Amino acid sequence: MTPDDETIRITRGQGGEVEVSGRIDAVAREVLQRAGFLFLPALRGRVWIRLPFDLGRDWENRHATWAAGILSTARYRVHLDPGLRYTPPDKPDAPARPPTMTAQAPPSRPQRH
């Protein structure tokens, strides 16, 4: 078995779908399912692992990047296509909270006196 056989590859296919290939064990399967990947039967007993269609490239990139990050943290060898890397948009700094604000109980809980 070569190291490339052990690599989990997350790529964008020719049809634009985001799919996974490589050796997937139970832990990797759980991570991919939590990231939104579908495990669908394919020809010859193989399983096609892909994200749902029509949710937009931004959504696909976020979920593919998250899955690759978790798998890498779990010490799997992962290849994520560079075109799937999600970079969050620049956000302006949040306004500072006024010092007079205090925490309040949620509406479902009575206030303490």
N, C-alpha and C. Protein backbone atom coordinates (compact mmCIF):
# COMPACT_ATOMS: atom_id res chain seq x y z
N MET A 1 0.85 -1.17 0.00
CA MET A 1 0.00 0.00 0.00
C MET A 1 0.90 1.24 0.00
N THR A 2 0.64 2.15 -0.89
CA THR A 2 1.43 3.38 -0.97
C THR A 2 0.78 4.46 -0.11
N PRO A 3 1.54 5.49 0.29
CA PRO A 3 0.94 6.57 1.08
C PRO A 3 -0.22 7.24 0.37
N ASP A 4 -0.19 7.25 -0.97
CA ASP A 4 -1.28 7.87 -1.72
C ASP A 4 -2.58 7.08 -1.56
N ASP A 5 -2.47 5.75 -1.34
CA ASP A 5 -3.66 4.93 -1.12
C ASP A 5 -4.36 5.31 0.19
N GLU A 6 -3.59 5.80 1.14
CA GLU A 6 -4.13 6.14 2.45
C GLU A 6 -4.66 7.58 2.51
N THR A 7 -4.39 8.36 1.49
CA THR A 7 -4.81 9.76 1.49
C THR A 7 -6.30 9.86 1.18
N ILE A 8 -7.00 10.65 1.99
CA ILE A 8 -8.40 10.97 1.71
C ILE A 8 -8.38 12.22 0.85
N ARG A 9 -8.96 12.12 -0.34
CA ARG A 9 -8.93 13.23 -1.30
C ARG A 9 -10.32 13.86 -1.38
N ILE A 10 -10.38 15.17 -1.16
CA ILE A 10 -11.63 15.92 -1.29
C ILE A 10 -11.44 16.84 -2.49
N THR A 11 -12.19 16.56 -3.56
CA THR A 11 -11.98 17.26 -4.82
C THR A 11 -13.31 17.72 -5.41
N ARG A 12 -13.20 18.63 -6.38
CA ARG A 12 -14.38 19.03 -7.16
C ARG A 12 -14.29 18.28 -8.48
N GLY A 13 -15.31 17.44 -8.76
CA GLY A 13 -15.32 16.64 -9.97
C GLY A 13 -15.57 17.46 -11.22
N GLN A 14 -15.50 16.81 -12.36
CA GLN A 14 -15.69 17.50 -13.64
C GLN A 14 -17.08 18.10 -13.77
N GLY A 15 -18.06 17.48 -13.11
CA GLY A 15 -19.42 18.02 -13.15
C GLY A 15 -19.68 19.09 -12.12
N GLY A 16 -18.67 19.45 -11.34
CA GLY A 16 -18.82 20.49 -10.33
C GLY A 16 -19.15 19.97 -8.94
N GLU A 17 -19.37 18.65 -8.81
CA GLU A 17 -19.71 18.08 -7.51
C GLU A 17 -18.46 17.92 -6.65
N VAL A 18 -18.64 18.07 -5.34
CA VAL A 18 -17.54 17.88 -4.40
C VAL A 18 -17.62 16.44 -3.92
N GLU A 19 -16.54 15.69 -4.15
CA GLU A 19 -16.57 14.28 -3.81
C GLU A 19 -15.31 13.87 -3.06
N VAL A 20 -15.41 12.72 -2.40
CA VAL A 20 -14.32 12.20 -1.58
C VAL A 20 -13.92 10.84 -2.11
N SER A 21 -12.62 10.59 -2.13
CA SER A 21 -12.12 9.27 -2.49
C SER A 21 -11.01 8.91 -1.51
N GLY A 22 -10.69 7.64 -1.45
CA GLY A 22 -9.64 7.18 -0.56
C GLY A 22 -10.18 6.18 0.43
N ARG A 23 -9.32 5.77 1.34
CA ARG A 23 -9.68 4.77 2.34
C ARG A 23 -10.45 5.45 3.47
N ILE A 24 -11.72 5.10 3.62
CA ILE A 24 -12.59 5.71 4.63
C ILE A 24 -12.93 4.66 5.68
N ASP A 25 -12.52 4.91 6.91
CA ASP A 25 -12.91 4.00 7.99
C ASP A 25 -14.11 4.60 8.73
N ALA A 26 -14.50 3.99 9.85
CA ALA A 26 -15.71 4.42 10.56
C ALA A 26 -15.58 5.85 11.09
N VAL A 27 -14.41 6.23 11.59
CA VAL A 27 -14.23 7.58 12.13
C VAL A 27 -14.30 8.62 11.01
N ALA A 28 -13.60 8.35 9.92
CA ALA A 28 -13.62 9.28 8.78
C ALA A 28 -15.04 9.39 8.22
N ARG A 29 -15.74 8.29 8.18
CA ARG A 29 -17.13 8.31 7.69
C ARG A 29 -18.00 9.21 8.56
N GLU A 30 -17.85 9.08 9.87
CA GLU A 30 -18.64 9.91 10.80
C GLU A 30 -18.33 11.39 10.60
N VAL A 31 -17.06 11.74 10.46
CA VAL A 31 -16.68 13.14 10.24
C VAL A 31 -17.29 13.65 8.94
N LEU A 32 -17.18 12.87 7.88
CA LEU A 32 -17.71 13.30 6.59
C LEU A 32 -19.23 13.44 6.64
N GLN A 33 -19.91 12.54 7.32
CA GLN A 33 -21.37 12.66 7.43
C GLN A 33 -21.75 13.90 8.22
N ARG A 34 -21.01 14.20 9.29
CA ARG A 34 -21.31 15.41 10.06
C ARG A 34 -21.04 16.67 9.26
N ALA A 35 -20.14 16.59 8.29
CA ALA A 35 -19.85 17.73 7.42
C ALA A 35 -20.86 17.86 6.29
N GLY A 36 -21.78 16.90 6.18
CA GLY A 36 -22.83 16.99 5.17
C GLY A 36 -22.64 16.10 3.96
N PHE A 37 -21.60 15.28 3.94
CA PHE A 37 -21.37 14.40 2.80
C PHE A 37 -22.37 13.26 2.80
N LEU A 38 -22.79 12.88 1.61
CA LEU A 38 -23.72 11.76 1.41
C LEU A 38 -22.94 10.53 0.98
N PHE A 39 -23.33 9.38 1.44
CA PHE A 39 -22.74 8.11 1.04
C PHE A 39 -23.78 7.38 0.19
N LEU A 40 -23.55 7.33 -1.12
CA LEU A 40 -24.53 6.80 -2.06
C LEU A 40 -23.98 5.56 -2.75
N PRO A 41 -24.82 4.54 -2.95
CA PRO A 41 -24.34 3.35 -3.66
C PRO A 41 -24.01 3.69 -5.11
N ALA A 42 -22.97 3.06 -5.61
CA ALA A 42 -22.57 3.26 -7.00
C ALA A 42 -22.37 1.88 -7.63
N LEU A 43 -21.93 1.85 -8.86
CA LEU A 43 -21.72 0.59 -9.56
C LEU A 43 -20.63 -0.24 -8.92
N ARG A 44 -20.74 -1.53 -9.09
CA ARG A 44 -19.74 -2.51 -8.62
C ARG A 44 -19.50 -2.46 -7.11
N GLY A 45 -20.54 -2.18 -6.35
CA GLY A 45 -20.45 -2.22 -4.91
C GLY A 45 -19.68 -1.08 -4.27
N ARG A 46 -19.28 -0.13 -5.03
CA ARG A 46 -18.55 1.02 -4.49
C ARG A 46 -19.54 2.03 -3.92
N VAL A 47 -19.03 2.93 -3.14
CA VAL A 47 -19.84 3.99 -2.56
C VAL A 47 -19.34 5.32 -3.09
N TRP A 48 -20.28 6.16 -3.53
CA TRP A 48 -19.95 7.50 -4.02
C TRP A 48 -20.17 8.44 -2.85
N ILE A 49 -19.14 9.16 -2.45
CA ILE A 49 -19.22 10.09 -1.32
C ILE A 49 -19.15 11.50 -1.88
N ARG A 50 -20.21 12.27 -1.65
CA ARG A 50 -20.24 13.62 -2.21
C ARG A 50 -21.12 14.52 -1.35
N LEU A 51 -20.95 15.82 -1.56
CA LEU A 51 -21.84 16.80 -0.94
C LEU A 51 -23.10 16.93 -1.79
N PRO A 52 -24.22 17.34 -1.19
CA PRO A 52 -25.43 17.56 -1.98
C PRO A 52 -25.19 18.62 -3.06
N PHE A 53 -25.94 18.50 -4.14
CA PHE A 53 -25.84 19.47 -5.23
C PHE A 53 -26.63 20.74 -4.90
N ASP A 54 -26.34 21.81 -5.60
CA ASP A 54 -27.12 23.04 -5.61
C ASP A 54 -27.20 23.78 -4.27
N LEU A 55 -26.17 23.67 -3.45
CA LEU A 55 -26.15 24.44 -2.22
C LEU A 55 -25.16 25.60 -2.30
N GLY A 56 -24.53 25.74 -3.44
CA GLY A 56 -23.63 26.86 -3.67
C GLY A 56 -22.18 26.54 -3.33
N ARG A 57 -21.28 27.16 -4.07
CA ARG A 57 -19.85 26.90 -3.88
C ARG A 57 -19.36 27.33 -2.51
N ASP A 58 -19.88 28.42 -1.99
CA ASP A 58 -19.46 28.89 -0.67
C ASP A 58 -19.79 27.83 0.38
N TRP A 59 -21.01 27.30 0.35
CA TRP A 59 -21.43 26.26 1.30
C TRP A 59 -20.55 25.02 1.13
N GLU A 60 -20.35 24.60 -0.11
CA GLU A 60 -19.52 23.42 -0.38
C GLU A 60 -18.10 23.63 0.15
N ASN A 61 -17.53 24.79 -0.11
CA ASN A 61 -16.16 25.07 0.33
C ASN A 61 -16.05 25.07 1.85
N ARG A 62 -17.05 25.67 2.55
CA ARG A 62 -17.02 25.68 4.00
C ARG A 62 -17.06 24.27 4.57
N HIS A 63 -17.93 23.44 4.03
CA HIS A 63 -18.08 22.08 4.55
C HIS A 63 -16.88 21.20 4.18
N ALA A 64 -16.35 21.35 3.00
CA ALA A 64 -15.18 20.57 2.60
C ALA A 64 -13.96 20.98 3.43
N THR A 65 -13.78 22.27 3.67
CA THR A 65 -12.66 22.75 4.46
C THR A 65 -12.78 22.28 5.90
N TRP A 66 -14.00 22.33 6.46
CA TRP A 66 -14.22 21.87 7.82
C TRP A 66 -13.88 20.38 7.94
N ALA A 67 -14.37 19.57 7.00
CA ALA A 67 -14.11 18.13 7.03
C ALA A 67 -12.61 17.86 6.93
N ALA A 68 -11.93 18.54 6.03
CA ALA A 68 -10.48 18.34 5.87
C ALA A 68 -9.75 18.73 7.14
N GLY A 69 -10.16 19.79 7.78
CA GLY A 69 -9.51 20.22 9.02
C GLY A 69 -9.69 19.22 10.14
N ILE A 70 -10.89 18.70 10.31
CA ILE A 70 -11.15 17.73 11.37
C ILE A 70 -10.40 16.44 11.09
N LEU A 71 -10.42 15.98 9.84
CA LEU A 71 -9.71 14.75 9.49
C LEU A 71 -8.21 14.92 9.71
N SER A 72 -7.67 16.06 9.34
CA SER A 72 -6.24 16.32 9.56
C SER A 72 -5.90 16.34 11.04
N THR A 73 -6.77 16.95 11.83
CA THR A 73 -6.56 16.98 13.28
C THR A 73 -6.57 15.57 13.86
N ALA A 74 -7.39 14.70 13.28
CA ALA A 74 -7.46 13.31 13.73
C ALA A 74 -6.33 12.47 13.12
N ARG A 75 -5.37 13.14 12.49
CA ARG A 75 -4.15 12.54 11.94
C ARG A 75 -4.39 11.67 10.70
N TYR A 76 -5.42 11.99 9.94
CA TYR A 76 -5.59 11.36 8.63
C TYR A 76 -4.77 12.17 7.63
N ARG A 77 -4.28 11.50 6.62
CA ARG A 77 -3.61 12.19 5.52
C ARG A 77 -4.72 12.67 4.59
N VAL A 78 -4.82 13.99 4.40
CA VAL A 78 -5.93 14.57 3.63
C VAL A 78 -5.38 15.50 2.55
N HIS A 79 -5.96 15.39 1.36
CA HIS A 79 -5.68 16.34 0.28
C HIS A 79 -6.98 17.07 -0.02
N LEU A 80 -6.98 18.39 0.15
CA LEU A 80 -8.13 19.23 -0.19
C LEU A 80 -7.74 20.07 -1.39
N ASP A 81 -8.52 19.96 -2.48
CA ASP A 81 -8.22 20.78 -3.65
C ASP A 81 -8.14 22.24 -3.25
N PRO A 82 -7.14 22.97 -3.75
CA PRO A 82 -7.00 24.39 -3.40
C PRO A 82 -8.26 25.20 -3.71
N GLY A 83 -9.00 24.84 -4.75
CA GLY A 83 -10.23 25.57 -5.09
C GLY A 83 -11.36 25.37 -4.11
N LEU A 84 -11.20 24.43 -3.17
CA LEU A 84 -12.23 24.16 -2.16
C LEU A 84 -11.94 24.83 -0.82
N ARG A 85 -10.77 25.44 -0.71
CA ARG A 85 -10.42 26.06 0.57
C ARG A 85 -11.32 27.26 0.83
N TYR A 86 -11.92 27.28 2.02
CA TYR A 86 -12.81 28.38 2.39
C TYR A 86 -12.02 29.40 3.19
N THR A 87 -12.13 30.64 2.77
CA THR A 87 -11.57 31.73 3.55
C THR A 87 -12.72 32.66 3.90
N PRO A 88 -12.95 32.88 5.18
CA PRO A 88 -14.08 33.72 5.57
C PRO A 88 -13.92 35.14 5.05
N PRO A 89 -15.02 35.78 4.69
CA PRO A 89 -14.94 37.17 4.22
C PRO A 89 -14.50 38.07 5.37
N ASP A 90 -13.84 39.16 5.00
CA ASP A 90 -13.43 40.13 6.01
C ASP A 90 -14.66 40.78 6.61
N LYS A 91 -14.71 40.80 7.94
CA LYS A 91 -15.84 41.42 8.63
C LYS A 91 -15.33 42.65 9.36
N PRO A 92 -16.13 43.69 9.39
CA PRO A 92 -15.71 44.85 10.19
C PRO A 92 -15.75 44.45 11.67
N ASP A 93 -14.94 45.13 12.47
CA ASP A 93 -14.93 44.84 13.90
C ASP A 93 -16.31 45.08 14.48
N ALA A 94 -16.69 44.21 15.39
CA ALA A 94 -17.99 44.36 16.04
C ALA A 94 -17.95 45.60 16.93
N PRO A 95 -19.07 46.31 17.02
CA PRO A 95 -19.08 47.49 17.88
C PRO A 95 -18.90 47.06 19.34
N ALA A 96 -18.24 47.91 20.09
CA ALA A 96 -18.02 47.61 21.50
C ALA A 96 -19.34 47.65 22.25
N ARG A 97 -19.49 46.78 23.21
CA ARG A 97 -20.72 46.74 24.00
C ARG A 97 -20.67 47.86 25.04
N PRO A 98 -21.74 48.62 25.16
CA PRO A 98 -21.74 49.69 26.16
C PRO A 98 -21.55 49.11 27.55
N PRO A 99 -20.82 49.82 28.41
CA PRO A 99 -20.54 49.29 29.74
C PRO A 99 -21.76 49.15 30.62
N THR A 100 -22.89 49.78 30.28
CA THR A 100 -24.08 49.74 31.13
C THR A 100 -24.94 48.50 30.89
N MET A 101 -24.62 47.70 29.86
CA MET A 101 -25.43 46.52 29.59
C MET A 101 -25.19 45.46 30.65
N THR A 102 -26.25 44.79 31.05
CA THR A 102 -26.13 43.67 31.98
C THR A 102 -26.82 42.46 31.37
N ALA A 103 -26.41 41.30 31.81
CA ALA A 103 -27.04 40.07 31.32
C ALA A 103 -28.44 39.96 31.90
N GLN A 104 -29.36 39.51 31.08
CA GLN A 104 -30.74 39.33 31.54
C GLN A 104 -31.13 37.88 31.36
N ALA A 105 -32.05 37.44 32.20
CA ALA A 105 -32.54 36.07 32.10
C ALA A 105 -33.32 35.91 30.80
N PRO A 106 -33.28 34.72 30.21
CA PRO A 106 -34.08 34.49 29.02
C PRO A 106 -35.56 34.65 29.34
N PRO A 107 -36.40 34.93 28.34
CA PRO A 107 -37.82 35.16 28.58
C PRO A 107 -38.52 33.99 29.27
N SER A 108 -38.03 32.77 29.08
CA SER A 108 -38.71 31.61 29.66
C SER A 108 -38.41 31.43 31.15
N ARG A 109 -37.43 32.12 31.66
CA ARG A 109 -37.06 31.98 33.06
C ARG A 109 -37.47 33.24 33.83
N PRO A 110 -38.12 33.07 34.99
CA PRO A 110 -38.50 34.26 35.75
C PRO A 110 -37.26 34.99 36.27
N GLN A 111 -37.39 36.29 36.36
CA GLN A 111 -36.29 37.10 36.87
C GLN A 111 -36.16 36.94 38.37
N ARG A 112 -34.92 37.00 38.85
CA ARG A 112 -34.67 36.97 40.29
C ARG A 112 -34.81 38.36 40.86
N HIS A 113 -35.30 38.44 42.06
CA HIS A 113 -35.42 39.77 42.71
C HIS A 113 -34.56 39.85 43.92
